[in-house]
Every structure is written in structure tokens, then in C-alpha cells.
Amino acid sequence: MSGYDSNTRRVAFLIHSRWKAKLQCFTPINERLAYIDIDIQHLRLRIATAYFPHSGYGELHVQRMYDALSEIKSSAHSKKRHTLITGDF
């Protein structure tokens, strides 16, 4: 699964077929950030993946990523989900 309508940049998840039925949602935020909610037995997870802006981007782009990740984490907490953040930092 991958998100966003860009042909040059996007984030994705590779999910094994045995976990497909456990997947609750896939939510792309932008071309650099997406998350999935997955329930495995009694564990409710939100897994976010991020491709952070490189040094050619300004501080504002980096701060927007942190703000978006903070919102993803807060939303997961309110839904009683554990959060795992992965990506290229």
C-alpha cells in the first residue's frame, strides 16, 4: 500500500498476506507520511512511517513533520492504540 498522488515521492507499507485481515485502516497524510492501524490478537497498534525532509528543506518542513507525528500519536492514544514510528530520519 502506498499513499498520495505523487509519482516521485510517497511512503508505503509492505504487509504480509497473513496480516491483511488484521488491517483496520491505511491513512496517507502526505507524500512523506502515512500510518496504518492494525489489530493483532489483543494488541492494537498504530504504525506510522515517515520520510523526513533532507537538509535542503527549511526548518518549517521539519516542524510540520513533527507536528503531524504528534497529532498521529495523540489520536492513537485517544483510541487506546500503541504507537510505533518508523522511517528515514
C-alpha atoms as a PDB file:
ATOM      1  CA  MET A   1       0.000   0.000   0.000  1.00  0.00           C
ATOM      2  CA  SER A   2       1.235   3.457  -0.743  1.00  0.00           C
ATOM      3  CA  GLY A   3      -0.303   6.848  -0.393  1.00  0.00           C
ATOM      4  CA  TYR A   4      -0.563  10.201  -2.074  1.00  0.00           C
ATOM      5  CA  ASP A   5      -0.925  11.103  -5.737  1.00  0.00           C
ATOM      6  CA  SER A   6       2.702  11.964  -6.452  1.00  0.00           C
ATOM      7  CA  ASN A   7       4.705   9.939  -8.974  1.00  0.00           C
ATOM      8  CA  THR A   8       8.050  10.934  -7.490  1.00  0.00           C
ATOM      9  CA  ARG A   9       7.638  10.699  -3.730  1.00  0.00           C
ATOM     10  CA  ARG A  10       5.474   8.623  -1.440  1.00  0.00           C
ATOM     11  CA  VAL A  11       5.610   6.391   1.607  1.00  0.00           C
ATOM     12  CA  ALA A  12       4.407   2.805   1.716  1.00  0.00           C
ATOM     13  CA  PHE A  13       3.861  -0.280   3.859  1.00  0.00           C
ATOM     14  CA  LEU A  14       4.615  -3.816   2.814  1.00  0.00           C
ATOM     15  CA  ILE A  15       2.133  -6.096   4.577  1.00  0.00           C
ATOM     16  CA  HIS A  16       2.361  -9.891   4.637  1.00  0.00           C
ATOM     17  CA  SER A  17      -0.822 -11.517   3.341  1.00  0.00           C
ATOM     18  CA  ARG A  18      -1.477 -13.208   6.706  1.00  0.00           C
ATOM     19  CA  TRP A  19      -1.868  -9.762   8.347  1.00  0.00           C
ATOM     20  CA  LYS A  20      -4.184  -8.344   5.669  1.00  0.00           C
ATOM     21  CA  ALA A  21      -7.353  -9.282   7.563  1.00  0.00           C
ATOM     22  CA  LYS A  22      -5.959  -7.618  10.712  1.00  0.00           C
ATOM     23  CA  LEU A  23      -5.509  -4.252   8.990  1.00  0.00           C
ATOM     24  CA  GLN A  24      -8.096  -1.721  10.144  1.00  0.00           C
ATOM     25  CA  CYS A  25      -7.086   1.286   8.040  1.00  0.00           C
ATOM     26  CA  PHE A  26      -4.398   2.861   5.897  1.00  0.00           C
ATOM     27  CA  THR A  27      -4.187   6.660   6.100  1.00  0.00           C
ATOM     28  CA  PRO A  28      -1.796   8.669   3.928  1.00  0.00           C
ATOM     29  CA  ILE A  29      -1.161  12.130   5.396  1.00  0.00           C
ATOM     30  CA  ASN A  30       1.049  13.495   2.624  1.00  0.00           C
ATOM     31  CA  GLU A  31       3.784  12.269   0.269  1.00  0.00           C
ATOM     32  CA  ARG A  32       6.132  11.811   3.253  1.00  0.00           C
ATOM     33  CA  LEU A  33       3.891  10.434   5.996  1.00  0.00           C
ATOM     34  CA  ALA A  34       1.277   7.691   6.395  1.00  0.00           C
ATOM     35  CA  TYR A  35       0.012   5.312   9.059  1.00  0.00           C
ATOM     36  CA  ILE A  36      -1.853   2.043   9.456  1.00  0.00           C
ATOM     37  CA  ASP A  37      -3.990   0.745  12.296  1.00  0.00           C
ATOM     38  CA  ILE A  38      -3.657  -2.982  12.797  1.00  0.00           C
ATOM     39  CA  ASP A  39      -5.048  -5.315  15.464  1.00  0.00           C
ATOM     40  CA  ILE A  40      -3.005  -8.417  16.225  1.00  0.00           C
ATOM     41  CA  GLN A  41      -4.584 -10.581  18.919  1.00  0.00           C
ATOM     42  CA  HIS A  42      -5.017  -8.209  21.903  1.00  0.00           C
ATOM     43  CA  LEU A  43      -2.501  -5.660  20.641  1.00  0.00           C
ATOM     44  CA  ARG A  44      -3.920  -2.556  18.989  1.00  0.00           C
ATOM     45  CA  LEU A  45      -1.186  -0.807  17.011  1.00  0.00           C
ATOM     46  CA  ARG A  46      -0.825   2.363  15.011  1.00  0.00           C
ATOM     47  CA  ILE A  47       2.309   2.195  12.861  1.00  0.00           C
ATOM     48  CA  ALA A  48       3.420   5.454  11.268  1.00  0.00           C
ATOM     49  CA  THR A  49       6.132   5.705   8.653  1.00  0.00           C
ATOM     50  CA  ALA A  50       7.858   8.957   7.801  1.00  0.00           C
ATOM     51  CA  TYR A  51      10.353  10.089   5.206  1.00  0.00           C
ATOM     52  CA  PHE A  52      11.764  13.235   6.801  1.00  0.00           C
ATOM     53  CA  PRO A  53      12.816  16.241   4.700  1.00  0.00           C
ATOM     54  CA  HIS A  54      16.550  16.337   3.965  1.00  0.00           C
ATOM     55  CA  SER A  55      18.893  19.228   4.739  1.00  0.00           C
ATOM     56  CA  GLY A  56      17.826  21.053   1.567  1.00  0.00           C
ATOM     57  CA  TYR A  57      14.441  21.737   3.137  1.00  0.00           C
ATOM     58  CA  GLY A  58      13.802  24.515   5.622  1.00  0.00           C
ATOM     59  CA  GLU A  59      13.086  24.189   9.327  1.00  0.00           C
ATOM     60  CA  LEU A  60       9.380  24.743   8.655  1.00  0.00           C
ATOM     61  CA  HIS A  61       9.113  21.457   6.717  1.00  0.00           C
ATOM     62  CA  VAL A  62      10.747  19.536   9.550  1.00  0.00           C
ATOM     63  CA  GLN A  63       8.487  21.169  12.150  1.00  0.00           C
ATOM     64  CA  ARG A  64       5.410  20.243  10.091  1.00  0.00           C
ATOM     65  CA  MET A  65       6.518  16.591  10.204  1.00  0.00           C
ATOM     66  CA  TYR A  66       6.927  16.711  13.978  1.00  0.00           C
ATOM     67  CA  ASP A  67       3.518  18.359  14.329  1.00  0.00           C
ATOM     68  CA  ALA A  68       1.855  15.737  12.123  1.00  0.00           C
ATOM     69  CA  LEU A  69       3.542  12.892  14.030  1.00  0.00           C
ATOM     70  CA  SER A  70       2.411  14.428  17.309  1.00  0.00           C
ATOM     71  CA  GLU A  71      -1.174  14.528  16.044  1.00  0.00           C
ATOM     72  CA  ILE A  72      -0.974  10.892  14.869  1.00  0.00           C
ATOM     73  CA  LYS A  73       0.339   9.839  18.297  1.00  0.00           C
ATOM     74  CA  SER A  74      -2.332  11.835  20.180  1.00  0.00           C
ATOM     75  CA  SER A  75      -5.083  10.389  18.022  1.00  0.00           C
ATOM     76  CA  ALA A  76      -3.783   6.852  18.591  1.00  0.00           C
ATOM     77  CA  HIS A  77      -3.599   7.438  22.345  1.00  0.00           C
ATOM     78  CA  SER A  78      -7.208   8.632  22.438  1.00  0.00           C
ATOM     79  CA  LYS A  79      -8.207   5.400  20.636  1.00  0.00           C
ATOM     80  CA  LYS A  80      -6.157   3.298  23.073  1.00  0.00           C
ATOM     81  CA  ARG A  81      -3.625   2.246  20.427  1.00  0.00           C
ATOM     82  CA  HIS A  82       0.090   1.744  20.923  1.00  0.00           C
ATOM     83  CA  THR A  83       2.174   3.826  18.508  1.00  0.00           C
ATOM     84  CA  LEU A  84       5.243   2.758  16.578  1.00  0.00           C
ATOM     85  CA  ILE A  85       7.022   5.374  14.459  1.00  0.00           C
ATOM     86  CA  THR A  86       9.352   4.186  11.721  1.00  0.00           C
ATOM     87  CA  GLY A  87      11.039   5.836   8.796  1.00  0.00           C
ATOM     88  CA  ASP A  88      14.000   7.600   7.302  1.00  0.00           C
ATOM     89  CA  PHE A  89      15.053  10.298   9.762  1.00  0.00           C
END
